Amino acid sequence: MLQTDAEARLKMMTSWDVDPQLTQDEIDILLTDWKVPFYTPDTWNLDSAAAAGWLVKAGKCANRFNFSSDVNSFSRDQLYQHCIMQAKKYNNAMLTIEVGNRKTYDPVIGNVDYTNE
């Protein structure tokens, strides 16, 4: 996958331009941090990058709080809860990269080779 394609997908997965927005620098950092340096030169763990992106977004709205007036009630913490829910969703997703017959990338333990079973 080309880096421009990975960037476009990550932006889509994180709703990067929706409040709270991610900056282009933050997208670049996420792509750098979640590049997978084995087998093929242009491989990213986009699920983990998206989870990290949603955590960044959660941090940007963590100071929003609920409040009420005589007429209105505002539940501003819902945005924070949504960002955390999205981070969990992408964190639980398993990105599988197939190279050859049966090679898998696990974001916790790294490359796992099942070809010699």
PDB file of N, CA and C in Angstrom:
ATOM      1  N   MET A   1       0.844  -1.165   0.000  1.00  0.00           N
ATOM      2  CA  MET A   1       0.000   0.000   0.000  1.00  0.00           C
ATOM      3  C   MET A   1       0.894   1.234   0.000  1.00  0.00           C
ATOM      4  N   LEU A   2       0.558   2.199  -0.781  1.00  0.00           N
ATOM      5  CA  LEU A   2       1.305   3.445  -0.796  1.00  0.00           C
ATOM      6  C   LEU A   2       1.009   4.255   0.459  1.00  0.00           C
ATOM      7  N   GLN A   3       1.964   5.082   0.869  1.00  0.00           N
ATOM      8  CA  GLN A   3       1.762   5.887   2.069  1.00  0.00           C
ATOM      9  C   GLN A   3       0.567   6.820   1.905  1.00  0.00           C
ATOM     10  N   THR A   4       0.362   7.346   0.704  1.00  0.00           N
ATOM     11  CA  THR A   4      -0.790   8.231   0.496  1.00  0.00           C
ATOM     12  C   THR A   4      -2.103   7.483   0.710  1.00  0.00           C
ATOM     13  N   ASP A   5      -2.146   6.206   0.309  1.00  0.00           N
ATOM     14  CA  ASP A   5      -3.342   5.395   0.539  1.00  0.00           C
ATOM     15  C   ASP A   5      -3.531   5.107   2.025  1.00  0.00           C
ATOM     16  N   ALA A   6      -2.428   4.767   2.715  1.00  0.00           N
ATOM     17  CA  ALA A   6      -2.501   4.508   4.151  1.00  0.00           C
ATOM     18  C   ALA A   6      -2.967   5.761   4.886  1.00  0.00           C
ATOM     19  N   GLU A   7      -2.458   6.913   4.481  1.00  0.00           N
ATOM     20  CA  GLU A   7      -2.857   8.173   5.102  1.00  0.00           C
ATOM     21  C   GLU A   7      -4.348   8.444   4.880  1.00  0.00           C
ATOM     22  N   ALA A   8      -4.816   8.235   3.674  1.00  0.00           N
ATOM     23  CA  ALA A   8      -6.235   8.463   3.377  1.00  0.00           C
ATOM     24  C   ALA A   8      -7.122   7.534   4.202  1.00  0.00           C
ATOM     25  N   ARG A   9      -6.731   6.279   4.316  1.00  0.00           N
ATOM     26  CA  ARG A   9      -7.516   5.326   5.112  1.00  0.00           C
ATOM     27  C   ARG A   9      -7.517   5.694   6.590  1.00  0.00           C
ATOM     28  N   LEU A  10      -6.343   6.079   7.117  1.00  0.00           N
ATOM     29  CA  LEU A  10      -6.261   6.462   8.519  1.00  0.00           C
ATOM     30  C   LEU A  10      -7.120   7.692   8.796  1.00  0.00           C
ATOM     31  N   LYS A  11      -7.088   8.647   7.891  1.00  0.00           N
ATOM     32  CA  LYS A  11      -7.927   9.842   8.057  1.00  0.00           C
ATOM     33  C   LYS A  11      -9.406   9.463   8.081  1.00  0.00           C
ATOM     34  N   MET A  12      -9.786   8.542   7.227  1.00  0.00           N
ATOM     35  CA  MET A  12     -11.170   8.091   7.191  1.00  0.00           C
ATOM     36  C   MET A  12     -11.523   7.335   8.482  1.00  0.00           C
ATOM     37  N   MET A  13     -10.637   6.463   8.934  1.00  0.00           N
ATOM     38  CA  MET A  13     -10.891   5.646  10.120  1.00  0.00           C
ATOM     39  C   MET A  13     -10.999   6.490  11.390  1.00  0.00           C
ATOM     40  N   THR A  14     -10.330   7.632  11.419  1.00  0.00           N
ATOM     41  CA  THR A  14     -10.327   8.476  12.612  1.00  0.00           C
ATOM     42  C   THR A  14     -11.237   9.686  12.502  1.00  0.00           C
ATOM     43  N   SER A  15     -11.934   9.829  11.381  1.00  0.00           N
ATOM     44  CA  SER A  15     -12.737  11.052  11.167  1.00  0.00           C
ATOM     45  C   SER A  15     -11.905  12.273  11.558  1.00  0.00           C
ATOM     46  N   TRP A  16     -10.745  12.350  10.974  1.00  0.00           N
ATOM     47  CA  TRP A  16      -9.706  13.284  11.393  1.00  0.00           C
ATOM     48  C   TRP A  16     -10.124  14.745  11.345  1.00  0.00           C
ATOM     49  N   ASP A  17     -11.058  15.088  10.459  1.00  0.00           N
ATOM     50  CA  ASP A  17     -11.445  16.489  10.301  1.00  0.00           C
ATOM     51  C   ASP A  17     -12.737  16.842  11.044  1.00  0.00           C
ATOM     52  N   VAL A  18     -13.185  15.942  11.919  1.00  0.00           N
ATOM     53  CA  VAL A  18     -14.388  16.159  12.724  1.00  0.00           C
ATOM     54  C   VAL A  18     -13.952  16.435  14.158  1.00  0.00           C
ATOM     55  N   ASP A  19     -14.623  17.378  14.809  1.00  0.00           N
ATOM     56  CA  ASP A  19     -14.298  17.762  16.182  1.00  0.00           C
ATOM     57  C   ASP A  19     -14.312  16.570  17.120  1.00  0.00           C
ATOM     58  N   PRO A  20     -13.252  16.410  17.899  1.00  0.00           N
ATOM     59  CA  PRO A  20     -11.985  17.141  17.927  1.00  0.00           C
ATOM     60  C   PRO A  20     -11.084  16.676  16.788  1.00  0.00           C
ATOM     61  N   GLN A  21     -10.561  17.602  16.063  1.00  0.00           N
ATOM     62  CA  GLN A  21      -9.800  17.292  14.855  1.00  0.00           C
ATOM     63  C   GLN A  21      -8.372  16.858  15.164  1.00  0.00           C
ATOM     64  N   LEU A  22      -7.859  15.996  14.283  1.00  0.00           N
ATOM     65  CA  LEU A  22      -6.438  15.657  14.302  1.00  0.00           C
ATOM     66  C   LEU A  22      -5.731  16.568  13.307  1.00  0.00           C
ATOM     67  N   THR A  23      -4.506  16.920  13.605  1.00  0.00           N
ATOM     68  CA  THR A  23      -3.726  17.736  12.681  1.00  0.00           C
ATOM     69  C   THR A  23      -2.996  16.828  11.693  1.00  0.00           C
ATOM     70  N   GLN A  24      -2.495  17.416  10.628  1.00  0.00           N
ATOM     71  CA  GLN A  24      -1.703  16.649   9.670  1.00  0.00           C
ATOM     72  C   GLN A  24      -0.453  16.101  10.342  1.00  0.00           C
ATOM     73  N   ASP A  25       0.164  16.886  11.235  1.00  0.00           N
ATOM     74  CA  ASP A  25       1.345  16.402  11.967  1.00  0.00           C
ATOM     75  C   ASP A  25       1.006  15.177  12.807  1.00  0.00           C
ATOM     76  N   GLU A  26      -0.156  15.168  13.436  1.00  0.00           N
ATOM     77  CA  GLU A  26      -0.561  14.017  14.250  1.00  0.00           C
ATOM     78  C   GLU A  26      -0.803  12.793  13.382  1.00  0.00           C
ATOM     79  N   ILE A  27      -1.402  12.975  12.214  1.00  0.00           N
ATOM     80  CA  ILE A  27      -1.581  11.863  11.268  1.00  0.00           C
ATOM     81  C   ILE A  27      -0.223  11.316  10.852  1.00  0.00           C
ATOM     82  N   ASP A  28       0.714  12.202  10.535  1.00  0.00           N
ATOM     83  CA  ASP A  28       2.062  11.773  10.135  1.00  0.00           C
ATOM     84  C   ASP A  28       2.744  10.981  11.248  1.00  0.00           C
ATOM     85  N   ILE A  29       2.603  11.430  12.492  1.00  0.00           N
ATOM     86  CA  ILE A  29       3.203  10.724  13.631  1.00  0.00           C
ATOM     87  C   ILE A  29       2.585   9.341  13.785  1.00  0.00           C
ATOM     88  N   LEU A  30       1.262   9.250  13.675  1.00  0.00           N
ATOM     89  CA  LEU A  30       0.590   7.950  13.785  1.00  0.00           C
ATOM     90  C   LEU A  30       1.075   6.987  12.707  1.00  0.00           C
ATOM     91  N   LEU A  31       1.219   7.485  11.475  1.00  0.00           N
ATOM     92  CA  LEU A  31       1.709   6.620  10.391  1.00  0.00           C
ATOM     93  C   LEU A  31       3.147   6.177  10.651  1.00  0.00           C
ATOM     94  N   THR A  32       3.964   7.057  11.170  1.00  0.00           N
ATOM     95  CA  THR A  32       5.348   6.701  11.480  1.00  0.00           C
ATOM     96  C   THR A  32       5.403   5.679  12.605  1.00  0.00           C
ATOM     97  N   ASP A  33       4.608   5.915  13.652  1.00  0.00           N
ATOM     98  CA  ASP A  33       4.629   5.028  14.817  1.00  0.00           C
ATOM     99  C   ASP A  33       4.094   3.635  14.513  1.00  0.00           C
ATOM    100  N   TRP A  34       3.185   3.516  13.574  1.00  0.00           N
ATOM    101  CA  TRP A  34       2.536   2.227  13.315  1.00  0.00           C
ATOM    102  C   TRP A  34       2.928   1.617  11.973  1.00  0.00           C
ATOM    103  N   LYS A  35       4.084   2.025  11.463  1.00  0.00           N
ATOM    104  CA  LYS A  35       4.615   1.373  10.270  1.00  0.00           C
ATOM    105  C   LYS A  35       5.213   0.036  10.700  1.00  0.00           C
ATOM    106  N   VAL A  36       4.926  -1.008   9.945  1.00  0.00           N
ATOM    107  CA  VAL A  36       5.398  -2.353  10.271  1.00  0.00           C
ATOM    108  C   VAL A  36       6.649  -2.626   9.441  1.00  0.00           C
ATOM    109  N   PRO A  37       7.809  -2.743  10.088  1.00  0.00           N
ATOM    110  CA  PRO A  37       9.070  -2.814   9.364  1.00  0.00           C
ATOM    111  C   PRO A  37       9.518  -4.227   8.967  1.00  0.00           C
ATOM    112  N   PHE A  38       8.630  -5.015   8.392  1.00  0.00           N
ATOM    113  CA  PHE A  38       9.085  -6.330   7.955  1.00  0.00           C
ATOM    114  C   PHE A  38       8.433  -6.710   6.638  1.00  0.00           C
ATOM    115  N   TYR A  39       9.104  -7.547   5.895  1.00  0.00           N
ATOM    116  CA  TYR A  39       8.652  -8.126   4.631  1.00  0.00           C
ATOM    117  C   TYR A  39       8.436  -7.112   3.524  1.00  0.00           C
ATOM    118  N   THR A  40       7.446  -6.286   3.632  1.00  0.00           N
ATOM    119  CA  THR A  40       7.194  -5.305   2.582  1.00  0.00           C
ATOM    120  C   THR A  40       7.449  -3.925   3.160  1.00  0.00           C
ATOM    121  N   PRO A  41       8.006  -3.033   2.376  1.00  0.00           N
ATOM    122  CA  PRO A  41       8.392  -1.732   2.920  1.00  0.00           C
ATOM    123  C   PRO A  41       7.217  -0.819   3.264  1.00  0.00           C
ATOM    124  N   ASP A  42       6.078  -0.992   2.634  1.00  0.00           N
ATOM    125  CA  ASP A  42       4.956  -0.082   2.842  1.00  0.00           C
ATOM    126  C   ASP A  42       3.780  -0.803   3.480  1.00  0.00           C
ATOM    127  N   THR A  43       3.918  -1.110   4.770  1.00  0.00           N
ATOM    128  CA  THR A  43       2.881  -1.810   5.519  1.00  0.00           C
ATOM    129  C   THR A  43       2.661  -1.076   6.833  1.00  0.00           C
ATOM    130  N   TRP A  44       1.395  -0.840   7.158  1.00  0.00           N
ATOM    131  CA  TRP A  44       1.045  -0.148   8.387  1.00  0.00           C
ATOM    132  C   TRP A  44       0.016  -0.955   9.153  1.00  0.00           C
ATOM    133  N   ASN A  45       0.062  -0.887  10.458  1.00  0.00           N
ATOM    134  CA  ASN A  45      -0.973  -1.464  11.304  1.00  0.00           C
ATOM    135  C   ASN A  45      -2.003  -0.349  11.508  1.00  0.00           C
ATOM    136  N   LEU A  46      -2.927  -0.236  10.574  1.00  0.00           N
ATOM    137  CA  LEU A  46      -3.872   0.870  10.581  1.00  0.00           C
ATOM    138  C   LEU A  46      -4.891   0.773  11.711  1.00  0.00           C
ATOM    139  N   ASP A  47      -5.247  -0.442  12.135  1.00  0.00           N
ATOM    140  CA  ASP A  47      -6.183  -0.551  13.264  1.00  0.00           C
ATOM    141  C   ASP A  47      -5.569   0.038  14.531  1.00  0.00           C
ATOM    142  N   SER A  48      -4.311  -0.275  14.795  1.00  0.00           N
ATOM    143  CA  SER A  48      -3.643   0.274  15.968  1.00  0.00           C
ATOM    144  C   SER A  48      -3.419   1.778  15.825  1.00  0.00           C
ATOM    145  N   ALA A  49      -3.094   2.221  14.620  1.00  0.00           N
ATOM    146  CA  ALA A  49      -2.926   3.658  14.384  1.00  0.00           C
ATOM    147  C   ALA A  49      -4.243   4.393  14.608  1.00  0.00           C
ATOM    148  N   ALA A  50      -5.353   3.800  14.146  1.00  0.00           N
ATOM    149  CA  ALA A  50      -6.664   4.420  14.343  1.00  0.00           C
ATOM    150  C   ALA A  50      -7.034   4.448  15.823  1.00  0.00           C
ATOM    151  N   ALA A  51      -6.751   3.363  16.550  1.00  0.00           N
ATOM    152  CA  ALA A  51      -7.023   3.336  17.990  1.00  0.00           C
ATOM    153  C   ALA A  51      -6.244   4.452  18.687  1.00  0.00           C
ATOM    154  N   ALA A  52      -4.980   4.602  18.340  1.00  0.00           N
ATOM    155  CA  ALA A  52      -4.159   5.656  18.933  1.00  0.00           C
ATOM    156  C   ALA A  52      -4.689   7.037  18.545  1.00  0.00           C
ATOM    157  N   GLY A  53      -5.136   7.177  17.305  1.00  0.00           N
ATOM    158  CA  GLY A  53      -5.706   8.444  16.857  1.00  0.00           C
ATOM    159  C   GLY A  53      -6.954   8.822  17.637  1.00  0.00           C
ATOM    160  N   TRP A  54      -7.815   7.833  17.900  1.00  0.00           N
ATOM    161  CA  TRP A  54      -9.022   8.105  18.688  1.00  0.00           C
ATOM    162  C   TRP A  54      -8.671   8.458  20.132  1.00  0.00           C
ATOM    163  N   LEU A  55      -7.594   7.887  20.669  1.00  0.00           N
ATOM    164  CA  LEU A  55      -7.163   8.268  22.013  1.00  0.00           C
ATOM    165  C   LEU A  55      -6.647   9.705  22.040  1.00  0.00           C
ATOM    166  N   VAL A  56      -5.968  10.116  20.975  1.00  0.00           N
ATOM    167  CA  VAL A  56      -5.528  11.514  20.881  1.00  0.00           C
ATOM    168  C   VAL A  56      -6.749  12.429  20.865  1.00  0.00           C
ATOM    169  N   LYS A  57      -7.750  12.043  20.073  1.00  0.00           N
ATOM    170  CA  LYS A  57      -8.976  12.841  20.011  1.00  0.00           C
ATOM    171  C   LYS A  57      -9.663  12.881  21.384  1.00  0.00           C
ATOM    172  N   ALA A  58      -9.678  11.761  22.096  1.00  0.00           N
ATOM    173  CA  ALA A  58     -10.280  11.726  23.432  1.00  0.00           C
ATOM    174  C   ALA A  58      -9.555  12.685  24.364  1.00  0.00           C
ATOM    175  N   GLY A  59      -8.241  12.718  24.264  1.00  0.00           N
ATOM    176  CA  GLY A  59      -7.468  13.638  25.097  1.00  0.00           C
ATOM    177  C   GLY A  59      -7.794  15.093  24.819  1.00  0.00           C
ATOM    178  N   LYS A  60      -8.115  15.389  23.577  1.00  0.00           N
ATOM    179  CA  LYS A  60      -8.436  16.764  23.212  1.00  0.00           C
ATOM    180  C   LYS A  60      -9.782  17.221  23.765  1.00  0.00           C
ATOM    181  N   CYS A  61     -10.660  16.285  24.066  1.00  0.00           N
ATOM    182  CA  CYS A  61     -11.985  16.691  24.577  1.00  0.00           C
ATOM    183  C   CYS A  61     -12.224  16.212  26.009  1.00  0.00           C
ATOM    184  N   ALA A  62     -11.197  15.749  26.678  1.00  0.00           N
ATOM    185  CA  ALA A  62     -11.354  15.225  28.041  1.00  0.00           C
ATOM    186  C   ALA A  62     -11.782  16.294  29.036  1.00  0.00           C
ATOM    187  N   ASN A  63     -11.523  17.545  28.738  1.00  0.00           N
ATOM    188  CA  ASN A  63     -11.893  18.619  29.665  1.00  0.00           C
ATOM    189  C   ASN A  63     -13.325  19.121  29.468  1.00  0.00           C
ATOM    190  N   ARG A  64     -14.039  18.528  28.540  1.00  0.00           N
ATOM    191  CA  ARG A  64     -15.434  18.937  28.334  1.00  0.00           C
ATOM    192  C   ARG A  64     -16.306  18.267  29.391  1.00  0.00           C
ATOM    193  N   PHE A  65     -17.224  18.988  29.923  1.00  0.00           N
ATOM    194  CA  PHE A  65     -18.029  18.487  31.032  1.00  0.00           C
ATOM    195  C   PHE A  65     -19.501  18.766  30.785  1.00  0.00           C
ATOM    196  N   ASN A  66     -20.342  18.074  31.500  1.00  0.00           N
ATOM    197  CA  ASN A  66     -21.788  18.268  31.415  1.00  0.00           C
ATOM    198  C   ASN A  66     -22.183  19.481  32.251  1.00  0.00           C
ATOM    199  N   PHE A  67     -23.178  20.199  31.787  1.00  0.00           N
ATOM    200  CA  PHE A  67     -23.718  21.294  32.590  1.00  0.00           C
ATOM    201  C   PHE A  67     -25.162  21.561  32.189  1.00  0.00           C
ATOM    202  N   SER A  68     -25.848  22.183  33.084  1.00  0.00           N
ATOM    203  CA  SER A  68     -27.262  22.504  32.873  1.00  0.00           C
ATOM    204  C   SER A  68     -27.525  23.946  33.258  1.00  0.00           C
ATOM    205  N   SER A  69     -28.502  24.503  32.583  1.00  0.00           N
ATOM    206  CA  SER A  69     -29.006  25.824  32.959  1.00  0.00           C
ATOM    207  C   SER A  69     -30.491  25.650  33.275  1.00  0.00           C
ATOM    208  N   ASP A  70     -31.162  26.739  33.517  1.00  0.00           N
ATOM    209  CA  ASP A  70     -32.594  26.656  33.802  1.00  0.00           C
ATOM    210  C   ASP A  70     -33.371  26.103  32.615  1.00  0.00           C
ATOM    211  N   VAL A  71     -32.847  26.309  31.418  1.00  0.00           N
ATOM    212  CA  VAL A  71     -33.568  25.944  30.204  1.00  0.00           C
ATOM    213  C   VAL A  71     -32.971  24.733  29.490  1.00  0.00           C
ATOM    214  N   ASN A  72     -31.650  24.612  29.496  1.00  0.00           N
ATOM    215  CA  ASN A  72     -30.969  23.596  28.685  1.00  0.00           C
ATOM    216  C   ASN A  72     -30.074  22.694  29.529  1.00  0.00           C
ATOM    217  N   SER A  73     -29.781  21.542  28.947  1.00  0.00           N
ATOM    218  CA  SER A  73     -28.836  20.612  29.542  1.00  0.00           C
ATOM    219  C   SER A  73     -27.866  20.180  28.448  1.00  0.00           C
ATOM    220  N   PHE A  74     -26.591  20.213  28.760  1.00  0.00           N
ATOM    221  CA  PHE A  74     -25.567  19.866  27.773  1.00  0.00           C
ATOM    222  C   PHE A  74     -24.739  18.687  28.269  1.00  0.00           C
ATOM    223  N   SER A  75     -24.715  17.610  27.495  1.00  0.00           N
ATOM    224  CA  SER A  75     -23.934  16.410  27.830  1.00  0.00           C
ATOM    225  C   SER A  75     -22.689  16.390  26.957  1.00  0.00           C
ATOM    226  N   ARG A  76     -21.749  17.238  27.298  1.00  0.00           N
ATOM    227  CA  ARG A  76     -20.552  17.377  26.472  1.00  0.00           C
ATOM    228  C   ARG A  76     -19.582  16.223  26.633  1.00  0.00           C
ATOM    229  N   ASP A  77     -19.720  15.415  27.676  1.00  0.00           N
ATOM    230  CA  ASP A  77     -18.814  14.283  27.849  1.00  0.00           C
ATOM    231  C   ASP A  77     -19.126  13.148  26.890  1.00  0.00           C
ATOM    232  N   GLN A  78     -20.232  13.222  26.172  1.00  0.00           N
ATOM    233  CA  GLN A  78     -20.568  12.170  25.200  1.00  0.00           C
ATOM    234  C   GLN A  78     -19.518  12.077  24.102  1.00  0.00           C
ATOM    235  N   LEU A  79     -18.937  13.190  23.721  1.00  0.00           N
ATOM    236  CA  LEU A  79     -17.895  13.175  22.689  1.00  0.00           C
ATOM    237  C   LEU A  79     -16.678  12.402  23.177  1.00  0.00           C
ATOM    238  N   TYR A  80     -16.281  12.630  24.418  1.00  0.00           N
ATOM    239  CA  TYR A  80     -15.169  11.884  25.005  1.00  0.00           C
ATOM    240  C   TYR A  80     -15.491  10.385  25.016  1.00  0.00           C
ATOM    241  N   GLN A  81     -16.686  10.030  25.471  1.00  0.00           N
ATOM    242  CA  GLN A  81     -17.091   8.625  25.528  1.00  0.00           C
ATOM    243  C   GLN A  81     -17.085   7.994  24.135  1.00  0.00           C
ATOM    244  N   HIS A  82     -17.522   8.746  23.135  1.00  0.00           N
ATOM    245  CA  HIS A  82     -17.512   8.245  21.750  1.00  0.00           C
ATOM    246  C   HIS A  82     -16.079   7.969  21.285  1.00  0.00           C
ATOM    247  N   CYS A  83     -15.163   8.881  21.575  1.00  0.00           N
ATOM    248  CA  CYS A  83     -13.766   8.690  21.168  1.00  0.00           C
ATOM    249  C   CYS A  83     -13.169   7.451  21.832  1.00  0.00           C
ATOM    250  N   ILE A  84     -13.455   7.257  23.110  1.00  0.00           N
ATOM    251  CA  ILE A  84     -12.956   6.078  23.825  1.00  0.00           C
ATOM    252  C   ILE A  84     -13.556   4.805  23.233  1.00  0.00           C
ATOM    253  N   MET A  85     -14.841   4.831  22.909  1.00  0.00           N
ATOM    254  CA  MET A  85     -15.495   3.667  22.313  1.00  0.00           C
ATOM    255  C   MET A  85     -14.861   3.319  20.959  1.00  0.00           C
ATOM    256  N   GLN A  86     -14.572   4.332  20.151  1.00  0.00           N
ATOM    257  CA  GLN A  86     -13.935   4.096  18.854  1.00  0.00           C
ATOM    258  C   GLN A  86     -12.523   3.543  19.038  1.00  0.00           C
ATOM    259  N   ALA A  87     -11.789   4.063  20.015  1.00  0.00           N
ATOM    260  CA  ALA A  87     -10.437   3.550  20.276  1.00  0.00           C
ATOM    261  C   ALA A  87     -10.494   2.080  20.648  1.00  0.00           C
ATOM    262  N   LYS A  88     -11.443   1.707  21.493  1.00  0.00           N
ATOM    263  CA  LYS A  88     -11.594   0.301  21.882  1.00  0.00           C
ATOM    264  C   LYS A  88     -11.960  -0.559  20.683  1.00  0.00           C
ATOM    265  N   LYS A  89     -12.820  -0.051  19.827  1.00  0.00           N
ATOM    266  CA  LYS A  89     -13.233  -0.797  18.636  1.00  0.00           C
ATOM    267  C   LYS A  89     -12.030  -1.127  17.759  1.00  0.00           C
ATOM    268  N   TYR A  90     -11.201  -0.128  17.495  1.00  0.00           N
ATOM    269  CA  TYR A  90     -10.034  -0.370  16.641  1.00  0.00           C
ATOM    270  C   TYR A  90      -8.954  -1.144  17.371  1.00  0.00           C
ATOM    271  N   ASN A  91      -8.857  -0.978  18.675  1.00  0.00           N
ATOM    272  CA  ASN A  91      -7.861  -1.722  19.447  1.00  0.00           C
ATOM    273  C   ASN A  91      -8.178  -3.214  19.458  1.00  0.00           C
ATOM    274  N   ASN A  92      -9.453  -3.552  19.431  1.00  0.00           N
ATOM    275  CA  ASN A  92      -9.862  -4.952  19.446  1.00  0.00           C
ATOM    276  C   ASN A  92      -9.809  -5.604  18.071  1.00  0.00           C
ATOM    277  N   ALA A  93      -9.718  -4.805  17.037  1.00  0.00           N
ATOM    278  CA  ALA A  93      -9.650  -5.360  15.680  1.00  0.00           C
ATOM    279  C   ALA A  93      -8.269  -5.972  15.466  1.00  0.00           C
ATOM    280  N   MET A  94      -8.222  -7.069  14.771  1.00  0.00           N
ATOM    281  CA  MET A  94      -6.946  -7.726  14.487  1.00  0.00           C
ATOM    282  C   MET A  94      -6.598  -7.490  13.028  1.00  0.00           C
ATOM    283  N   LEU A  95      -5.497  -6.815  12.805  1.00  0.00           N
ATOM    284  CA  LEU A  95      -5.029  -6.598  11.452  1.00  0.00           C
ATOM    285  C   LEU A  95      -4.169  -7.778  11.048  1.00  0.00           C
ATOM    286  N   THR A  96      -4.524  -8.426   9.982  1.00  0.00           N
ATOM    287  CA  THR A  96      -3.752  -9.552   9.490  1.00  0.00           C
ATOM    288  C   THR A  96      -3.102  -9.162   8.177  1.00  0.00           C
ATOM    289  N   ILE A  97      -1.818  -9.374   8.103  1.00  0.00           N
ATOM    290  CA  ILE A  97      -1.070  -9.102   6.896  1.00  0.00           C
ATOM    291  C   ILE A  97      -0.586 -10.432   6.363  1.00  0.00           C
ATOM    292  N   GLU A  98      -1.024 -10.795   5.188  1.00  0.00           N
ATOM    293  CA  GLU A  98      -0.594 -12.061   4.624  1.00  0.00           C
ATOM    294  C   GLU A  98       0.560 -11.837   3.670  1.00  0.00           C
ATOM    295  N   VAL A  99       1.652 -12.473   3.963  1.00  0.00           N
ATOM    296  CA  VAL A  99       2.825 -12.455   3.121  1.00  0.00           C
ATOM    297  C   VAL A  99       3.204 -13.909   2.935  1.00  0.00           C
ATOM    298  N   GLY A 100       3.245 -14.341   1.717  1.00  0.00           N
ATOM    299  CA  GLY A 100       3.492 -15.757   1.502  1.00  0.00           C
ATOM    300  C   GLY A 100       2.236 -16.530   1.851  1.00  0.00           C
ATOM    301  N   ASN A 101       2.382 -17.598   2.619  1.00  0.00           N
ATOM    302  CA  ASN A 101       1.253 -18.465   2.899  1.00  0.00           C
ATOM    303  C   ASN A 101       0.523 -18.099   4.183  1.00  0.00           C
ATOM    304  N   ARG A 102       1.205 -18.163   5.329  1.00  0.00           N
ATOM    305  CA  ARG A 102       0.504 -17.945   6.591  1.00  0.00           C
ATOM    306  C   ARG A 102       1.359 -17.154   7.571  1.00  0.00           C
ATOM    307  N   LYS A 103       1.526 -15.896   7.343  1.00  0.00           N
ATOM    308  CA  LYS A 103       2.255 -15.049   8.276  1.00  0.00           C
ATOM    309  C   LYS A 103       1.290 -13.999   8.795  1.00  0.00           C
ATOM    310  N   THR A 104       1.360 -13.746  10.073  1.00  0.00           N
ATOM    311  CA  THR A 104       0.431 -12.835  10.707  1.00  0.00           C
ATOM    312  C   THR A 104       1.196 -11.824  11.530  1.00  0.00           C
ATOM    313  N   TYR A 105       0.689 -10.624  11.611  1.00  0.00           N
ATOM    314  CA  TYR A 105       1.267  -9.621  12.489  1.00  0.00           C
ATOM    315  C   TYR A 105       0.309  -9.405  13.652  1.00  0.00           C
ATOM    316  N   ASP A 106       0.803  -9.613  14.842  1.00  0.00           N
ATOM    317  CA  ASP A 106       0.043  -9.347  16.058  1.00  0.00           C
ATOM    318  C   ASP A 106       0.654  -8.098  16.685  1.00  0.00           C
ATOM    319  N   PRO A 107      -0.122  -7.031  16.896  1.00  0.00           N
ATOM    320  CA  PRO A 107       0.456  -5.790  17.402  1.00  0.00           C
ATOM    321  C   PRO A 107       1.063  -5.916  18.786  1.00  0.00           C
ATOM    322  N   VAL A 108       0.727  -6.958  19.529  1.00  0.00           N
ATOM    323  CA  VAL A 108       1.280  -7.124  20.877  1.00  0.00           C
ATOM    324  C   VAL A 108       2.602  -7.881  20.829  1.00  0.00           C
ATOM    325  N   ILE A 109       2.642  -9.006  20.113  1.00  0.00           N
ATOM    326  CA  ILE A 109       3.854  -9.832  20.123  1.00  0.00           C
ATOM    327  C   ILE A 109       4.656  -9.750  18.833  1.00  0.00           C
ATOM    328  N   GLY A 110       4.149  -9.026  17.852  1.00  0.00           N
ATOM    329  CA  GLY A 110       4.888  -8.841  16.614  1.00  0.00           C
ATOM    330  C   GLY A 110       4.611  -9.913  15.584  1.00  0.00           C
ATOM    331  N   ASN A 111       5.614 -10.213  14.785  1.00  0.00           N
ATOM    332  CA  ASN A 111       5.451 -11.157  13.682  1.00  0.00           C
ATOM    333  C   ASN A 111       5.357 -12.571  14.202  1.00  0.00           C
ATOM    334  N   VAL A 112       4.380 -13.315  13.699  1.00  0.00           N
ATOM    335  CA  VAL A 112       4.201 -14.708  14.071  1.00  0.00           C
ATOM    336  C   VAL A 112       4.229 -15.513  12.779  1.00  0.00           C
ATOM    337  N   ASP A 113       5.094 -16.507  12.723  1.00  0.00           N
ATOM    338  CA  ASP A 113       5.217 -17.322  11.514  1.00  0.00           C
ATOM    339  C   ASP A 113       4.649 -18.698  11.796  1.00  0.00           C
ATOM    340  N   TYR A 114       3.548 -19.034  11.118  1.00  0.00           N
ATOM    341  CA  TYR A 114       2.900 -20.333  11.294  1.00  0.00           C
ATOM    342  C   TYR A 114       3.205 -21.286  10.138  1.00  0.00           C
ATOM    343  N   THR A 115       4.182 -20.947   9.298  1.00  0.00           N
ATOM    344  CA  THR A 115       4.432 -21.754   8.121  1.00  0.00           C
ATOM    345  C   THR A 115       5.081 -23.103   8.437  1.00  0.00           C
ATOM    346  N   ASN A 116       5.672 -23.257   9.616  1.00  0.00           N
ATOM    347  CA  ASN A 116       6.349 -24.514   9.954  1.00  0.00           C
ATOM    348  C   ASN A 116       5.530 -25.445  10.827  1.00  0.00           C
ATOM    349  N   GLU A 117       4.226 -25.230  10.883  1.00  0.00           N
ATOM    350  CA  GLU A 117       3.359 -26.107  11.709  1.00  0.00           C
ATOM    351  C   GLU A 117       3.221 -27.465  11.077  1.00  0.00           C
TER     352      GLU A 117
END
